[in-house]
Protein backbone atom coordinates (compact mmCIF):
# COMPACT_ATOMS: atom_id res chain seq x y z
CA UNK A 1 -25.85 118.17 -36.92
CA UNK A 2 -26.05 115.99 -33.81
CA UNK A 3 -26.40 117.65 -30.44
CA UNK A 4 -23.68 117.34 -27.83
CA UNK A 5 -24.70 115.97 -24.43
CA UNK A 6 -26.36 118.73 -22.42
CA UNK A 7 -27.88 120.39 -25.50
CA UNK A 8 -31.43 120.04 -26.70
CA UNK A 9 -31.91 117.43 -29.41
CA UNK A 10 -34.03 119.35 -31.89
CA UNK A 11 -36.53 117.72 -34.24
CA UNK A 12 -35.24 117.55 -37.79
CA UNK A 13 -37.34 120.46 -39.00
CA UNK A 14 -35.67 122.79 -36.46
CA UNK A 15 -32.10 121.59 -36.98
CA UNK A 16 -31.41 124.00 -39.83
CA UNK A 17 -33.07 126.67 -41.88
CA UNK A 18 -33.04 127.04 -45.62
CA UNK A 19 -30.18 126.39 -48.00
CA UNK A 20 -28.33 129.55 -46.88
CA UNK A 21 -28.81 129.00 -43.16
CA UNK A 22 -26.55 127.26 -40.71
CA UNK A 23 -27.78 125.05 -37.90
CA UNK A 24 -29.75 126.43 -34.99
CA UNK A 25 -27.68 125.61 -31.92
CA UNK A 26 -29.67 125.62 -28.71
CA UNK A 27 -28.07 126.37 -25.36
CA UNK A 28 -28.93 128.03 -22.08
CA UNK A 29 -29.20 131.50 -23.63
CA UNK A 30 -31.93 130.66 -26.18
CA UNK A 31 -33.56 127.42 -25.02
CA UNK A 32 -36.59 129.09 -23.43
CA UNK A 33 -37.29 131.12 -26.58
CA UNK A 34 -36.97 128.08 -28.84
CA UNK A 35 -39.26 126.05 -26.59
CA UNK A 36 -41.92 128.78 -26.65
CA UNK A 37 -41.77 129.18 -30.44
CA UNK A 38 -42.20 125.43 -30.91
CA UNK A 39 -45.43 125.35 -28.89
CA UNK A 40 -47.67 127.91 -30.58
CA UNK A 41 -50.80 126.09 -29.43
CA UNK A 42 -50.09 127.18 -25.84
CA UNK A 43 -49.74 130.90 -26.61
CA UNK A 44 -52.14 133.04 -24.53
CA UNK A 45 -52.32 135.52 -27.42
CA UNK A 46 -51.43 134.83 -31.03
CA UNK A 47 -48.39 137.12 -30.95
CA UNK A 48 -44.95 137.23 -29.37
CA UNK A 49 -41.87 139.45 -29.43
CA UNK A 50 -38.37 137.96 -29.76
CA UNK A 51 -35.45 140.08 -28.58
CA UNK A 52 -31.73 139.42 -28.54
CA UNK A 53 -28.35 140.64 -29.74
CA UNK A 54 -27.77 140.87 -33.47
CA UNK A 55 -25.95 137.79 -34.69
CA UNK A 56 -27.66 135.62 -32.07
CA UNK A 57 -29.67 133.60 -34.59
CA UNK A 58 -32.91 135.44 -33.95
CA UNK A 59 -33.65 135.90 -37.68
CA UNK A 60 -32.97 132.20 -38.27
CA UNK A 61 -35.39 131.38 -35.47
CA UNK A 62 -37.93 133.64 -37.16
CA UNK A 63 -37.51 131.89 -40.51
CA UNK A 64 -37.88 128.47 -38.90
CA UNK A 65 -40.94 129.69 -37.03
CA UNK A 66 -42.56 131.02 -40.21
CA UNK A 67 -41.77 127.83 -42.12
CA UNK A 68 -43.13 125.49 -39.49
CA UNK A 69 -46.20 127.45 -38.35
CA UNK A 70 -47.12 129.48 -41.44
CA UNK A 71 -47.05 132.51 -39.16
CA UNK A 72 -46.00 136.02 -40.05
CA UNK A 73 -42.64 137.40 -38.93
CA UNK A 74 -41.79 141.09 -38.73
CA UNK A 75 -37.98 141.12 -38.55
CA UNK A 76 -37.29 144.48 -36.97
CA UNK A 77 -40.15 146.33 -35.32
CA UNK A 78 -38.84 149.61 -36.75
CA UNK A 79 -38.88 148.21 -40.31
CA UNK A 80 -42.64 148.80 -40.53
CA UNK A 81 -45.02 151.45 -39.26
CA UNK A 82 -46.86 151.27 -35.96
CA UNK A 83 -50.11 151.05 -37.91
CA UNK A 84 -48.85 147.95 -39.75
CA UNK A 85 -47.88 146.25 -36.49
CA UNK A 86 -51.30 147.17 -35.05
CA UNK A 87 -53.14 145.63 -38.01
CA UNK A 88 -50.84 142.57 -37.96
CA UNK A 89 -51.60 142.04 -34.26
CA UNK A 90 -55.35 142.27 -34.88
CA UNK A 91 -55.10 139.93 -37.89
CA UNK A 92 -53.23 137.33 -35.82
CA UNK A 93 -55.93 137.34 -33.15
CA UNK A 94 -58.82 137.12 -35.60
CA UNK A 95 -57.28 134.53 -37.95
CA UNK A 96 -55.38 132.45 -35.41
CA UNK A 97 -52.23 132.69 -37.56
CA UNK A 98 -49.37 133.57 -35.16
CA UNK A 99 -47.32 136.75 -35.38
CA UNK A 100 -43.68 137.01 -34.27
CA UNK A 101 -41.99 140.41 -34.02
CA UNK A 102 -38.18 140.44 -33.82
CA UNK A 103 -36.61 143.47 -32.15
CA UNK A 104 -33.47 144.70 -30.41
CA UNK A 105 -35.41 145.65 -27.28
CA UNK A 106 -38.79 144.86 -25.65
CA UNK A 107 -41.87 146.93 -26.60
CA UNK A 108 -41.64 149.01 -23.40
CA UNK A 109 -38.53 150.64 -24.94
CA UNK A 110 -39.96 151.33 -28.41
CA UNK A 111 -41.47 154.73 -27.64
CA UNK A 112 -44.82 153.74 -29.16
CA UNK A 113 -47.00 156.67 -30.12
CA UNK A 114 -50.15 154.72 -30.97
CA UNK A 115 -52.05 154.10 -27.70
CA UNK A 116 -54.07 151.15 -29.03
CA UNK A 117 -50.87 149.40 -30.15
CA UNK A 118 -49.13 150.07 -26.83
CA UNK A 119 -52.04 148.52 -24.90
CA UNK A 120 -52.05 145.42 -27.11
CA UNK A 121 -48.30 144.90 -26.86
CA UNK A 122 -48.50 144.95 -23.06
CA UNK A 123 -50.24 141.57 -23.33
CA UNK A 124 -47.61 140.07 -25.65
CA UNK A 125 -44.98 137.69 -24.20
CA UNK A 126 -41.39 138.85 -24.72
CA UNK A 127 -38.84 136.11 -25.44
CA UNK A 128 -35.23 137.07 -24.75
CA UNK A 129 -32.04 135.57 -26.16
CA UNK A 130 -29.07 136.16 -23.86
CA UNK A 131 -25.38 136.31 -24.70
CA UNK A 132 -23.86 132.85 -25.28
CA UNK A 133 -22.45 130.72 -22.51
CA UNK A 134 -19.11 128.95 -22.97
CA UNK A 135 -20.53 125.82 -24.55
CA UNK A 136 -22.83 127.63 -26.97
CA UNK A 137 -19.97 129.96 -27.95
CA UNK A 138 -17.70 126.99 -28.69
CA UNK A 139 -20.35 125.18 -30.71
CA UNK A 140 -21.29 128.30 -32.64
CA UNK A 141 -17.66 128.95 -33.61
CA UNK A 142 -17.37 125.39 -34.92
CA UNK A 143 -20.70 125.64 -36.75
CA UNK A 144 -19.79 128.94 -38.43
CA UNK A 145 -16.53 127.47 -39.72
CA UNK A 146 -18.35 124.38 -40.96
CA UNK A 147 -20.82 126.65 -42.75
CA UNK A 148 -17.85 128.25 -44.54
CA UNK A 149 -16.54 124.81 -45.48
CA UNK A 150 -13.46 125.17 -43.27
CA UNK A 151 -12.03 122.67 -40.82
CA UNK A 152 -10.65 123.66 -37.43
CA UNK A 153 -7.71 121.92 -35.82
CA UNK A 154 -8.75 120.09 -32.64
CA UNK A 155 -9.09 122.39 -29.64
CA UNK A 156 -9.19 125.69 -31.54
CA UNK A 157 -12.71 126.68 -30.50
CA UNK A 158 -12.07 125.64 -26.90
CA UNK A 159 -8.87 127.72 -26.96
CA UNK A 160 -10.72 130.83 -28.18
CA UNK A 161 -13.69 130.88 -25.83
CA UNK A 162 -11.99 131.60 -22.46
CA UNK A 163 -9.87 134.35 -24.04
CA UNK A 164 -12.50 136.41 -25.88
CA UNK A 165 -15.31 138.78 -25.03
CA UNK A 166 -18.41 136.61 -24.68
CA UNK A 167 -20.80 138.00 -27.26
CA UNK A 168 -22.33 136.98 -30.57
CA UNK A 169 -20.80 140.02 -32.24
CA UNK A 170 -17.31 139.00 -31.13
CA UNK A 171 -17.84 135.40 -32.25
CA UNK A 172 -18.65 136.59 -35.77
CA UNK A 173 -15.64 138.94 -35.77
CA UNK A 174 -13.31 136.17 -34.64
CA UNK A 175 -14.54 133.71 -37.27
CA UNK A 176 -14.24 136.32 -40.05
CA UNK A 177 -10.71 137.27 -38.94
CA UNK A 178 -9.51 133.66 -38.85
CA UNK A 179 -11.14 132.89 -42.19
CA UNK A 180 -9.32 135.83 -43.80
CA UNK A 181 -5.99 134.96 -42.16
CA UNK A 182 -6.23 131.34 -43.24
CA UNK A 183 -6.85 132.35 -46.86
CA UNK A 184 -4.13 135.01 -46.84
CA UNK A 185 -1.44 132.76 -45.34
CA UNK A 186 -2.55 129.52 -46.98
CA UNK A 187 -2.62 127.79 -43.61
CA UNK A 188 -5.25 125.83 -41.76
CA UNK A 189 -6.86 127.30 -38.67
CA UNK A 190 -4.62 125.97 -35.92
CA UNK A 191 -4.17 127.16 -32.34
CA UNK A 192 -0.96 128.89 -33.43
CA UNK A 193 -2.62 130.80 -36.30
CA UNK A 194 -5.52 131.64 -34.00
CA UNK A 195 -3.22 133.04 -31.34
CA UNK A 196 -1.20 135.12 -33.83
CA UNK A 197 -4.23 136.49 -35.66
CA UNK A 198 -6.49 137.32 -32.76
CA UNK A 199 -3.69 138.84 -30.69
CA UNK A 200 -2.51 141.06 -33.57
CA UNK A 201 -6.07 142.29 -34.15
CA UNK A 202 -6.86 142.83 -30.49
CA UNK A 203 -9.63 140.24 -30.46
CA UNK A 204 -8.38 138.30 -27.44
CA UNK A 205 -7.19 139.53 -24.09
CA UNK A 206 -3.37 139.22 -23.93
CA UNK A 207 -3.60 138.81 -20.16
CA UNK A 208 -5.52 135.57 -20.70
CA UNK A 209 -3.18 133.96 -23.22
CA UNK A 210 -1.72 131.51 -20.74
CA UNK A 211 -5.06 130.25 -19.43
CA UNK A 212 -5.28 126.49 -19.55
CA UNK A 213 -8.98 126.06 -18.82
CA UNK A 214 -11.43 125.07 -21.57
CA UNK A 215 -15.22 125.26 -21.56
CA UNK A 216 -16.61 122.65 -19.17
CA UNK A 217 -19.32 121.24 -21.38
CA UNK A 218 -21.05 117.99 -20.63
């Protein structure tokens, strides 16, 4: 997938994940995290924590990181015990093989009971993925439809973005709703179908229906 002007042009090995993954789209909300994960040699310690909303591509970033660096990824800090994280941190430092921990929140909010682990995690950089900006939201909507093998009529994604809650969770809800409506009605995803479907399901703000502005992406 080629990058639009204003986006980062990723090397081929970071443009997509495995066969079941879509493309990794880089915008203002995740560029710093992607840049850090691509430069493991500069890490002050051999571990990092990646936080961000669910649906933000953080697990995809973890899979790409593991594939390209050979590092270990713990996807969900609460999916393993504190002792396992402690031993994984120590192993990363001694072996030089990087460790990435994916979590909803930074370690200061984990309520860690193991003092030695808490002290080690205070030295670990925390990478944060923010909610998507207009351009990333538009591109992600288009990418998710392409991943489903569906074509959007011109302007559909740009129509949606200014009228929806700006979050990864809402983007996934909108795409799923339009996919289902398209299959049920046997119609392509046009602006008209989008308006009807999202309004009936309360997924766009009716007060914003008449907005004419589109994302100002370079």
